[in-house]
Amino acid sequence: MLIIPAIDLRAGKCVRLVEGRLDRETVYSDDPVAVARLWEDQGARWLHVVDLDGAFTGEPKNWEMIRGILSAVRIPVQVGGGIRDMKVIEQLLDMGAARVILGTVAIINPGLVAEACSRYGESIVVGIDARNGKVAIEGWGVTAEKNALDLASEMKSLGIKRVVFTDIWRDGTLKGPNLAVVEEVARSTQLKIIASGGVSSLSDLRALKAMEPLGVEAVIIGKALYQGAINLRDALEITSEELEGQVC
């Protein structure tokens, strides 16, 4: 199972939100590029970068910072936040992003997801952010009348192989992941799952790792790393045997 550090960008800074709320923001660094290098130096195999300004406004805003991160590290980076047209997808992939994460557009324009999958295969990932089982979009500010499991199944039918699944009520809270829901999504869809939200301890990682046979291939960690609740090297030790020789 891959451990993927998160770098959330807002106004050019590395921040974390609680439950996606702007009024509960903590700034962890004025230099996200240095943070990216730090996680790479500590052994991270992937990075997860989200343009929060983009997620809230509908178009990426932190282009220079994203470009800086992609140029600064050698490991693959997946990028999300406000990506709602093919031109932006192409720009990010051309800049060096290994994967592009589509969120709101999966609800408002699923045809674009299908087209992107046709062109770029597994470089396209859908982010499914759930609040009480329903999909949240537009920076989590709007809850759609769409069940998260239904959306996952629809995206699979369009060619998506992998989803980032986030339980919003757990995100940034350090209360532990919603293991039952992660398992339900994995079992129901048989998609590759990147779990996100609430991870706070090595015990949480072990519990998610036990779901690898179901398709839970990775976990995104944010606040727990920044607050020191989890040491990245310790987290990587848990998965080192499985990562040896693995190509993702």
Protein backbone atom coordinates (compact mmCIF):
# COMPACT_ATOMS: atom_id res chain seq x y z
CA MET A 1 0.00 0.00 0.00
CA LEU A 2 1.32 3.39 -1.00
CA ILE A 3 1.59 6.23 1.49
CA ILE A 4 0.94 9.54 -0.28
CA PRO A 5 1.63 12.83 1.51
CA ALA A 6 -0.83 15.60 0.74
CA ILE A 7 0.07 19.16 -0.17
CA ASP A 8 -2.97 21.43 -0.21
CA LEU A 9 -2.38 24.82 -1.83
CA ARG A 10 -4.19 28.03 -0.95
CA ALA A 11 -2.88 31.46 -1.89
CA GLY A 12 0.49 29.91 -2.65
CA LYS A 13 0.87 28.36 0.80
CA CYS A 14 0.71 24.81 2.13
CA VAL A 15 -2.40 24.57 4.31
CA ARG A 16 -4.81 22.10 5.84
CA LEU A 17 -8.53 22.57 6.32
CA VAL A 18 -10.83 20.78 8.75
CA GLU A 19 -13.83 19.19 6.98
CA GLY A 20 -13.04 21.40 3.98
CA ARG A 21 -13.95 24.59 5.84
CA LEU A 22 -12.05 27.75 4.98
CA ASP A 23 -12.71 29.16 8.46
CA ARG A 24 -10.75 26.24 9.92
CA GLU A 25 -7.51 26.66 8.01
CA THR A 26 -4.01 26.12 9.32
CA VAL A 27 -0.99 27.32 7.34
CA TYR A 28 1.91 24.88 7.64
CA SER A 29 4.38 26.42 5.21
CA ASP A 30 4.91 29.45 2.98
CA ASP A 31 7.05 27.24 0.73
CA PRO A 32 5.10 24.24 -0.66
CA VAL A 33 7.99 23.37 -2.99
CA ALA A 34 10.25 22.84 0.01
CA VAL A 35 7.54 20.69 1.59
CA ALA A 36 7.38 18.56 -1.55
CA ARG A 37 11.15 18.08 -1.47
CA LEU A 38 10.97 17.18 2.23
CA TRP A 39 8.44 14.39 1.65
CA GLU A 40 10.48 13.08 -1.28
CA ASP A 41 13.66 13.14 0.81
CA GLN A 42 11.88 11.15 3.52
CA GLY A 43 10.98 8.41 1.06
CA ALA A 44 7.58 9.27 -0.37
CA ARG A 45 6.86 7.50 -3.66
CA TRP A 46 4.00 9.78 -4.72
CA LEU A 47 2.63 13.20 -3.82
CA HIS A 48 -0.97 14.40 -3.78
CA VAL A 49 -1.34 18.10 -4.62
CA VAL A 50 -4.67 19.93 -4.46
CA ASP A 51 -5.30 23.49 -5.57
CA LEU A 52 -7.91 24.52 -2.99
CA ASP A 53 -8.41 27.91 -4.62
CA GLY A 54 -9.15 26.07 -7.82
CA ALA A 55 -11.58 23.73 -6.13
CA PHE A 56 -13.58 26.66 -4.77
CA THR A 57 -13.48 28.83 -7.90
CA GLY A 58 -13.73 26.20 -10.62
CA GLU A 59 -10.34 26.77 -12.26
CA PRO A 60 -6.77 26.23 -11.06
CA LYS A 61 -5.21 29.30 -9.42
CA ASN A 62 -1.86 28.03 -8.12
CA TRP A 63 -0.24 27.27 -11.48
CA GLU A 64 3.21 28.55 -10.60
CA MET A 65 3.32 26.61 -7.35
CA ILE A 66 2.14 23.43 -9.05
CA ARG A 67 4.74 23.90 -11.77
CA GLY A 68 7.39 24.48 -9.12
CA ILE A 69 6.51 21.27 -7.29
CA LEU A 70 6.47 19.21 -10.50
CA SER A 71 9.89 20.58 -11.43
CA ALA A 72 11.39 20.14 -7.99
CA VAL A 73 10.71 16.46 -7.36
CA ARG A 74 11.50 13.26 -9.25
CA ILE A 75 8.61 11.21 -7.87
CA PRO A 76 5.20 11.16 -9.58
CA VAL A 77 2.61 13.72 -8.51
CA GLN A 78 -1.17 13.60 -8.82
CA VAL A 79 -2.90 16.98 -9.05
CA GLY A 80 -6.50 18.02 -8.42
CA GLY A 81 -8.61 21.06 -7.69
CA GLY A 82 -10.80 22.98 -10.13
CA ILE A 83 -10.00 20.86 -13.18
CA ARG A 84 -13.11 21.08 -15.33
CA ASP A 85 -12.04 21.14 -18.98
CA MET A 86 -9.79 19.20 -21.32
CA LYS A 87 -7.38 22.08 -21.86
CA VAL A 88 -6.47 22.16 -18.17
CA ILE A 89 -6.06 18.38 -18.10
CA GLU A 90 -3.68 18.60 -21.05
CA GLN A 91 -1.73 21.48 -19.49
CA LEU A 92 -1.20 19.61 -16.23
CA LEU A 93 -0.09 16.42 -17.95
CA ASP A 94 2.22 18.40 -20.22
CA MET A 95 3.71 20.08 -17.13
CA GLY A 96 4.58 16.67 -15.74
CA ALA A 97 1.66 15.62 -13.56
CA ALA A 98 1.45 11.83 -13.49
CA ARG A 99 -2.26 11.82 -12.72
CA VAL A 100 -5.03 14.38 -12.91
CA ILE A 101 -7.88 14.15 -10.41
CA LEU A 102 -11.36 15.12 -11.60
CA GLY A 103 -13.99 15.92 -9.00
CA THR A 104 -16.90 18.29 -9.63
CA VAL A 105 -16.80 17.62 -13.37
CA ALA A 106 -17.71 13.97 -12.73
CA ILE A 107 -21.13 15.28 -11.67
CA ILE A 108 -21.63 18.22 -14.02
CA ASN A 109 -19.97 16.85 -17.16
CA PRO A 110 -19.38 13.08 -17.06
CA GLY A 111 -18.81 13.13 -20.81
CA LEU A 112 -15.53 14.94 -20.19
CA VAL A 113 -14.46 12.14 -17.85
CA ALA A 114 -15.18 9.57 -20.53
CA GLU A 115 -13.24 11.56 -23.13
CA ALA A 116 -10.30 12.09 -20.78
CA CYS A 117 -10.20 8.37 -19.96
CA SER A 118 -10.23 7.53 -23.64
CA ARG A 119 -7.27 9.83 -24.27
CA TYR A 120 -5.19 9.38 -21.15
CA GLY A 121 -6.18 6.08 -19.53
CA GLU A 122 -5.10 5.65 -15.94
CA SER A 123 -3.60 9.13 -15.82
CA ILE A 124 -7.18 10.18 -15.08
CA VAL A 125 -8.53 9.63 -11.56
CA VAL A 126 -11.86 10.67 -10.10
CA GLY A 127 -12.04 12.15 -6.63
CA ILE A 128 -15.22 11.19 -4.81
CA ASP A 129 -15.77 13.30 -1.73
CA ALA A 130 -18.64 12.07 0.40
CA ARG A 131 -20.70 13.70 3.12
CA ASN A 132 -23.24 11.36 4.73
CA GLY A 133 -23.06 9.13 1.68
CA LYS A 134 -23.76 11.94 -0.81
CA VAL A 135 -21.22 13.47 -3.18
CA ALA A 136 -19.94 16.97 -2.35
CA ILE A 137 -18.68 19.20 -5.16
CA GLU A 138 -17.35 22.73 -5.79
CA GLY A 139 -14.80 22.66 -3.00
CA TRP A 140 -17.22 20.62 -0.87
CA GLY A 141 -19.49 23.66 -0.65
CA VAL A 142 -22.38 21.95 -2.47
CA THR A 143 -23.84 18.51 -1.79
CA ALA A 144 -25.17 16.85 -4.92
CA GLU A 145 -28.15 14.54 -4.97
CA LYS A 146 -25.91 11.67 -5.95
CA ASN A 147 -24.94 8.69 -3.86
CA ALA A 148 -21.16 8.23 -3.69
CA LEU A 149 -21.39 4.53 -4.53
CA ASP A 150 -23.61 5.24 -7.53
CA LEU A 151 -21.14 7.83 -8.80
CA ALA A 152 -18.25 5.40 -8.40
CA SER A 153 -20.11 2.79 -10.44
CA GLU A 154 -20.95 5.33 -13.14
CA MET A 155 -17.33 6.45 -13.36
CA LYS A 156 -16.20 2.84 -13.67
CA SER A 157 -18.56 2.42 -16.62
CA LEU A 158 -16.90 5.45 -18.26
CA GLY A 159 -13.45 3.88 -18.01
CA ILE A 160 -12.16 5.08 -14.64
CA LYS A 161 -9.95 2.51 -12.93
CA ARG A 162 -9.03 4.40 -9.76
CA VAL A 163 -10.76 6.81 -7.36
CA VAL A 164 -9.64 8.95 -4.47
CA PHE A 165 -12.33 8.47 -1.83
CA THR A 166 -12.60 11.06 0.94
CA ASP A 167 -14.97 11.04 3.89
CA ILE A 168 -15.39 14.79 4.42
CA TRP A 169 -16.46 14.53 8.05
CA ARG A 170 -13.13 12.84 8.83
CA ASP A 171 -10.87 15.04 6.71
CA GLY A 172 -8.45 17.09 8.79
CA THR A 173 -9.92 15.87 12.06
CA LEU A 174 -7.41 13.15 13.06
CA LYS A 175 -10.38 11.04 14.16
CA GLY A 176 -9.40 8.03 12.08
CA PRO A 177 -10.66 6.99 8.65
CA ASN A 178 -14.17 5.71 8.10
CA LEU A 179 -13.04 2.15 7.57
CA ALA A 180 -16.53 0.72 7.05
CA VAL A 181 -17.28 3.12 4.20
CA VAL A 182 -13.88 2.61 2.57
CA GLU A 183 -14.47 -1.14 2.65
CA GLU A 184 -17.98 -0.71 1.25
CA VAL A 185 -16.72 1.38 -1.67
CA ALA A 186 -13.95 -1.11 -2.41
CA ARG A 187 -16.21 -4.15 -2.26
CA SER A 188 -19.08 -2.58 -4.19
CA THR A 189 -17.09 -1.06 -7.05
CA GLN A 190 -13.96 -3.26 -7.33
CA LEU A 191 -12.11 -0.10 -8.34
CA LYS A 192 -8.62 0.77 -7.16
CA ILE A 193 -9.13 2.91 -4.07
CA ILE A 194 -6.94 5.68 -2.69
CA ALA A 195 -8.34 6.34 0.79
CA SER A 196 -8.30 9.82 2.27
CA GLY A 197 -9.57 11.57 5.36
CA GLY A 198 -8.97 11.23 9.08
CA VAL A 199 -5.83 9.08 9.17
CA SER A 200 -4.18 9.79 12.51
CA SER A 201 -2.03 6.84 13.54
CA LEU A 202 -0.01 3.86 12.40
CA SER A 203 -2.92 1.72 13.58
CA ASP A 204 -5.14 3.43 11.03
CA LEU A 205 -2.60 2.60 8.34
CA ARG A 206 -2.50 -1.05 9.37
CA ALA A 207 -6.29 -1.22 9.23
CA LEU A 208 -6.32 0.23 5.72
CA LYS A 209 -3.45 -2.00 4.67
CA ALA A 210 -5.58 -5.00 5.61
CA MET A 211 -7.97 -3.91 2.86
CA GLU A 212 -5.36 -4.23 0.11
CA PRO A 213 -6.93 -7.47 -1.18
CA LEU A 214 -10.14 -5.48 -1.73
CA GLY A 215 -8.34 -2.91 -3.88
CA VAL A 216 -7.32 -0.27 -1.34
CA GLU A 217 -3.94 0.45 -2.89
CA ALA A 218 -2.96 3.74 -1.24
CA VAL A 219 -3.74 6.21 1.51
CA ILE A 220 -3.33 9.98 1.50
CA ILE A 221 -2.03 11.52 4.71
CA GLY A 222 -2.14 15.22 5.44
CA LYS A 223 -2.66 16.72 8.87
CA ALA A 224 -1.20 13.73 10.72
CA LEU A 225 2.13 14.33 8.98
CA TYR A 226 2.13 18.07 9.48
CA GLN A 227 1.23 17.83 13.15
CA GLY A 228 3.67 15.01 13.85
CA ALA A 229 1.05 12.41 14.75
CA ILE A 230 2.63 10.16 12.10
CA ASN A 231 6.26 10.07 11.05
CA LEU A 232 6.48 9.42 7.32
CA ARG A 233 9.42 7.05 7.61
CA ASP A 234 7.54 4.99 10.21
CA ALA A 235 4.51 4.89 7.94
CA LEU A 236 6.61 3.76 4.99
CA GLU A 237 8.13 0.93 7.01
CA ILE A 238 4.68 -0.60 7.37
CA THR A 239 4.37 -0.90 3.60
CA SER A 240 8.00 -1.40 2.57
CA GLU A 241 7.71 -5.12 1.86
CA GLU A 242 4.67 -4.64 -0.35
CA LEU A 243 6.30 -1.77 -2.20
CA GLU A 244 9.44 -3.66 -3.15
CA GLY A 245 9.30 -4.27 -6.84
CA GLN A 246 5.85 -2.76 -7.16
CA VAL A 247 5.26 -0.55 -10.18
CA CYS A 248 2.45 1.98 -9.87
